[in-house]
Amino acid sequence: MSEQKLSCGVVVARRTETGWVTLMLRAFHHWDFPKGIRERGEEPLEAAVREVGEETSVTELSFDWGDRFFETGPYSRGKVARYFIATTNQEEVVMGLSPETGEPEHHEWRWVSFDEAYDLGSPRVRTIVQWARQIIGT
C-alpha cells in the first residue's frame, strides 16, 4: 500500500462516569475519527499518533489493545483508512491547523457515546464504530 493511499487514524476512547466516549471530528458534514495520510517512511501506527496530535492536540494515548487495527475498503479516489484504538484521560481538545492552508482541517469536535458515533458516522465510519465497540466492550 503506497504511503499516499493509506490514511491512518485512531479511535480515541475515554472512560467517563457514564461510560465510554470517543472523539469525533467534523469536516463539512462528515464525521470521522482523527486520521490522515501516512508520510514517506512512517509506520502506520506512528502516522496515526502524529495525526491525532496534529488534529486534536491529544498526545496522551495508551494502546491498551495493542497494535490491532481495522482497515476500510477503498474510498475517495482509492484511499484506504486504517484505524487503531487507544484510550486517553486527556479531555481537552484543540483543533490543529492544516500545514497547507493554515486553517483548521475540521469544523467541530465532540466527545460522544459509541451510539452517537454510530448515528453521526457514514456507513464507512459505522463499521469502525462497531469494530471498536466489540474490542472495548461497550
C-alpha atoms as a PDB file:
ATOM      1  CA  MET A   1       0.000   0.000   0.000  1.00  0.00           C
ATOM      2  CA  SER A   2       1.598   3.308  -1.031  1.00  0.00           C
ATOM      3  CA  GLU A   3       2.103   5.963   1.617  1.00  0.00           C
ATOM      4  CA  GLN A   4      -0.155   8.347  -0.349  1.00  0.00           C
ATOM      5  CA  LYS A   5      -3.099   5.939  -0.333  1.00  0.00           C
ATOM      6  CA  LEU A   6      -3.043   4.831   3.324  1.00  0.00           C
ATOM      7  CA  SER A   7      -4.818   7.082   5.787  1.00  0.00           C
ATOM      8  CA  CYS A   8      -4.040   6.221   9.423  1.00  0.00           C
ATOM      9  CA  GLY A   9      -6.187   7.119  12.386  1.00  0.00           C
ATOM     10  CA  VAL A  10      -7.187   6.330  15.931  1.00  0.00           C
ATOM     11  CA  VAL A  11     -10.482   5.665  17.651  1.00  0.00           C
ATOM     12  CA  VAL A  12      -9.684   7.655  20.797  1.00  0.00           C
ATOM     13  CA  ALA A  13     -11.743   6.355  23.731  1.00  0.00           C
ATOM     14  CA  ARG A  14     -12.112   7.883  27.182  1.00  0.00           C
ATOM     15  CA  ARG A  15     -13.820   6.304  30.169  1.00  0.00           C
ATOM     16  CA  THR A  16     -16.283   8.616  31.956  1.00  0.00           C
ATOM     17  CA  GLU A  17     -18.693   8.190  34.866  1.00  0.00           C
ATOM     18  CA  THR A  18     -21.461   7.432  32.370  1.00  0.00           C
ATOM     19  CA  GLY A  19     -19.440   5.028  30.211  1.00  0.00           C
ATOM     20  CA  TRP A  20     -17.072   5.185  27.271  1.00  0.00           C
ATOM     21  CA  VAL A  21     -16.946   8.168  24.921  1.00  0.00           C
ATOM     22  CA  THR A  22     -15.000   8.589  21.712  1.00  0.00           C
ATOM     23  CA  LEU A  23     -13.609  11.656  19.952  1.00  0.00           C
ATOM     24  CA  MET A  24     -15.094  12.552  16.587  1.00  0.00           C
ATOM     25  CA  LEU A  25     -14.206  15.394  14.236  1.00  0.00           C
ATOM     26  CA  ARG A  26     -16.464  17.048  11.674  1.00  0.00           C
ATOM     27  CA  ALA A  27     -15.244  18.287   8.295  1.00  0.00           C
ATOM     28  CA  PHE A  28     -18.170  19.916   6.476  1.00  0.00           C
ATOM     29  CA  HIS A  29     -20.973  17.417   7.168  1.00  0.00           C
ATOM     30  CA  HIS A  30     -18.751  14.324   7.521  1.00  0.00           C
ATOM     31  CA  TRP A  31     -17.920  12.978  10.996  1.00  0.00           C
ATOM     32  CA  ASP A  32     -14.897  10.723  11.404  1.00  0.00           C
ATOM     33  CA  PHE A  33     -12.157   9.779  13.824  1.00  0.00           C
ATOM     34  CA  PRO A  34      -8.855  11.689  13.701  1.00  0.00           C
ATOM     35  CA  LYS A  35      -6.817  10.377  10.767  1.00  0.00           C
ATOM     36  CA  GLY A  36      -4.548  11.425   7.939  1.00  0.00           C
ATOM     37  CA  ILE A  37      -2.204  10.306   5.198  1.00  0.00           C
ATOM     38  CA  ARG A  38       0.923   8.407   6.190  1.00  0.00           C
ATOM     39  CA  GLU A  39       4.140  10.188   5.282  1.00  0.00           C
ATOM     40  CA  ARG A  40       7.040   8.522   3.495  1.00  0.00           C
ATOM     41  CA  GLY A  41       8.919   6.157   5.784  1.00  0.00           C
ATOM     42  CA  GLU A  42       6.375   6.357   8.594  1.00  0.00           C
ATOM     43  CA  GLU A  43       4.933   3.241  10.195  1.00  0.00           C
ATOM     44  CA  PRO A  44       1.113   3.283  10.145  1.00  0.00           C
ATOM     45  CA  LEU A  45       0.859   3.492  13.952  1.00  0.00           C
ATOM     46  CA  GLU A  46       3.364   6.377  14.027  1.00  0.00           C
ATOM     47  CA  ALA A  47       1.317   8.198  11.385  1.00  0.00           C
ATOM     48  CA  ALA A  48      -1.896   7.631  13.337  1.00  0.00           C
ATOM     49  CA  VAL A  49      -0.390   9.017  16.576  1.00  0.00           C
ATOM     50  CA  ARG A  50       1.054  12.026  14.726  1.00  0.00           C
ATOM     51  CA  GLU A  51      -2.287  12.792  13.064  1.00  0.00           C
ATOM     52  CA  VAL A  52      -4.201  12.625  16.366  1.00  0.00           C
ATOM     53  CA  GLY A  53      -1.728  15.064  17.922  1.00  0.00           C
ATOM     54  CA  GLU A  54      -1.856  17.433  14.950  1.00  0.00           C
ATOM     55  CA  GLU A  55      -5.644  17.394  14.602  1.00  0.00           C
ATOM     56  CA  THR A  56      -6.721  17.329  18.261  1.00  0.00           C
ATOM     57  CA  SER A  57      -3.687  18.119  20.496  1.00  0.00           C
ATOM     58  CA  VAL A  58      -4.352  14.793  22.266  1.00  0.00           C
ATOM     59  CA  THR A  59      -0.906  13.311  22.862  1.00  0.00           C
ATOM     60  CA  GLU A  60      -1.583  11.042  25.841  1.00  0.00           C
ATOM     61  CA  LEU A  61      -2.593   7.811  24.098  1.00  0.00           C
ATOM     62  CA  SER A  62      -2.451   4.307  25.505  1.00  0.00           C
ATOM     63  CA  PHE A  63      -2.790   1.410  23.066  1.00  0.00           C
ATOM     64  CA  ASP A  64      -4.319  -0.965  25.628  1.00  0.00           C
ATOM     65  CA  TRP A  65      -5.392  -3.433  22.926  1.00  0.00           C
ATOM     66  CA  GLY A  66      -2.002  -3.474  21.218  1.00  0.00           C
ATOM     67  CA  ASP A  67      -1.486  -2.644  17.567  1.00  0.00           C
ATOM     68  CA  ARG A  68      -4.595  -4.386  16.226  1.00  0.00           C
ATOM     69  CA  PHE A  69      -6.339  -2.369  13.543  1.00  0.00           C
ATOM     70  CA  PHE A  70      -9.284  -2.296  11.187  1.00  0.00           C
ATOM     71  CA  GLU A  71      -8.991  -1.254   7.550  1.00  0.00           C
ATOM     72  CA  THR A  72     -11.795   0.130   5.452  1.00  0.00           C
ATOM     73  CA  GLY A  73     -12.350  -0.752   1.836  1.00  0.00           C
ATOM     74  CA  PRO A  74     -11.177   1.802  -0.742  1.00  0.00           C
ATOM     75  CA  TYR A  75     -12.980   5.161  -0.742  1.00  0.00           C
ATOM     76  CA  SER A  76     -12.326   8.694  -2.029  1.00  0.00           C
ATOM     77  CA  ARG A  77     -10.073   8.006  -5.039  1.00  0.00           C
ATOM     78  CA  GLY A  78      -8.758   4.677  -3.791  1.00  0.00           C
ATOM     79  CA  LYS A  79      -7.670   5.642  -0.291  1.00  0.00           C
ATOM     80  CA  VAL A  80      -7.815   3.022   2.455  1.00  0.00           C
ATOM     81  CA  ALA A  81      -8.154   4.061   6.112  1.00  0.00           C
ATOM     82  CA  ARG A  82      -6.519   2.042   8.889  1.00  0.00           C
ATOM     83  CA  TYR A  83      -7.749   2.693  12.419  1.00  0.00           C
ATOM     84  CA  PHE A  84      -6.156   1.731  15.726  1.00  0.00           C
ATOM     85  CA  ILE A  85      -7.787   2.057  19.176  1.00  0.00           C
ATOM     86  CA  ALA A  86      -6.297   3.993  22.082  1.00  0.00           C
ATOM     87  CA  THR A  87      -7.501   5.271  25.421  1.00  0.00           C
ATOM     88  CA  THR A  88      -6.766   8.678  26.879  1.00  0.00           C
ATOM     89  CA  ASN A  89      -7.569  10.643  30.013  1.00  0.00           C
ATOM     90  CA  GLN A  90      -6.975  13.892  28.121  1.00  0.00           C
ATOM     91  CA  GLU A  91     -10.325  15.655  27.818  1.00  0.00           C
ATOM     92  CA  GLU A  92      -9.287  18.979  26.309  1.00  0.00           C
ATOM     93  CA  VAL A  93      -9.140  19.148  22.528  1.00  0.00           C
ATOM     94  CA  VAL A  94      -7.515  21.907  20.479  1.00  0.00           C
ATOM     95  CA  MET A  95      -8.046  21.542  16.756  1.00  0.00           C
ATOM     96  CA  GLY A  96      -4.834  21.934  14.783  1.00  0.00           C
ATOM     97  CA  LEU A  97      -4.277  23.984  11.660  1.00  0.00           C
ATOM     98  CA  SER A  98      -3.585  22.406   8.301  1.00  0.00           C
ATOM     99  CA  PRO A  99       0.068  22.935   7.302  1.00  0.00           C
ATOM    100  CA  GLU A 100      -1.151  23.559   3.719  1.00  0.00           C
ATOM    101  CA  THR A 101      -3.859  26.151   4.380  1.00  0.00           C
ATOM    102  CA  GLY A 102      -3.207  27.474   7.891  1.00  0.00           C
ATOM    103  CA  GLU A 103      -6.920  26.872   8.591  1.00  0.00           C
ATOM    104  CA  PRO A 104      -8.380  24.212  10.874  1.00  0.00           C
ATOM    105  CA  GLU A 105      -8.926  20.953   8.975  1.00  0.00           C
ATOM    106  CA  HIS A 106     -12.148  20.355  10.911  1.00  0.00           C
ATOM    107  CA  HIS A 107     -15.144  22.468  11.815  1.00  0.00           C
ATOM    108  CA  GLU A 108     -16.106  20.864  15.105  1.00  0.00           C
ATOM    109  CA  TRP A 109     -15.119  18.154  17.592  1.00  0.00           C
ATOM    110  CA  ARG A 110     -17.183  16.210  20.105  1.00  0.00           C
ATOM    111  CA  TRP A 111     -16.745  13.510  22.724  1.00  0.00           C
ATOM    112  CA  VAL A 112     -19.716  11.232  22.013  1.00  0.00           C
ATOM    113  CA  SER A 113     -21.016   7.841  23.131  1.00  0.00           C
ATOM    114  CA  PHE A 114     -20.491   4.975  20.718  1.00  0.00           C
ATOM    115  CA  ASP A 115     -24.240   5.056  19.965  1.00  0.00           C
ATOM    116  CA  GLU A 116     -23.921   8.722  18.980  1.00  0.00           C
ATOM    117  CA  ALA A 117     -20.771   7.985  16.975  1.00  0.00           C
ATOM    118  CA  TYR A 118     -22.693   5.330  15.046  1.00  0.00           C
ATOM    119  CA  ASP A 119     -25.539   7.764  14.356  1.00  0.00           C
ATOM    120  CA  LEU A 120     -23.171  10.544  13.230  1.00  0.00           C
ATOM    121  CA  GLY A 121     -20.997   8.358  11.028  1.00  0.00           C
ATOM    122  CA  SER A 122     -21.252   7.427   7.377  1.00  0.00           C
ATOM    123  CA  PRO A 123     -21.577   3.714   6.547  1.00  0.00           C
ATOM    124  CA  ARG A 124     -17.736   3.541   6.313  1.00  0.00           C
ATOM    125  CA  VAL A 125     -17.330   5.101   9.761  1.00  0.00           C
ATOM    126  CA  ARG A 126     -20.088   2.924  11.256  1.00  0.00           C
ATOM    127  CA  THR A 127     -18.072  -0.216  10.509  1.00  0.00           C
ATOM    128  CA  ILE A 128     -15.206   1.276  12.563  1.00  0.00           C
ATOM    129  CA  VAL A 129     -17.575   2.157  15.418  1.00  0.00           C
ATOM    130  CA  GLN A 130     -18.907  -1.416  15.514  1.00  0.00           C
ATOM    131  CA  TRP A 131     -15.399  -2.914  15.446  1.00  0.00           C
ATOM    132  CA  ALA A 132     -14.142  -0.608  18.222  1.00  0.00           C
ATOM    133  CA  ARG A 133     -17.187  -1.294  20.417  1.00  0.00           C
ATOM    134  CA  GLN A 134     -16.597  -5.036  20.223  1.00  0.00           C
ATOM    135  CA  ILE A 135     -12.974  -4.659  21.268  1.00  0.00           C
ATOM    136  CA  ILE A 136     -13.571  -2.115  24.035  1.00  0.00           C
ATOM    137  CA  GLY A 137     -16.659  -3.973  25.195  1.00  0.00           C
ATOM    138  CA  THR A 138     -19.074  -1.032  25.388  1.00  0.00           C
END
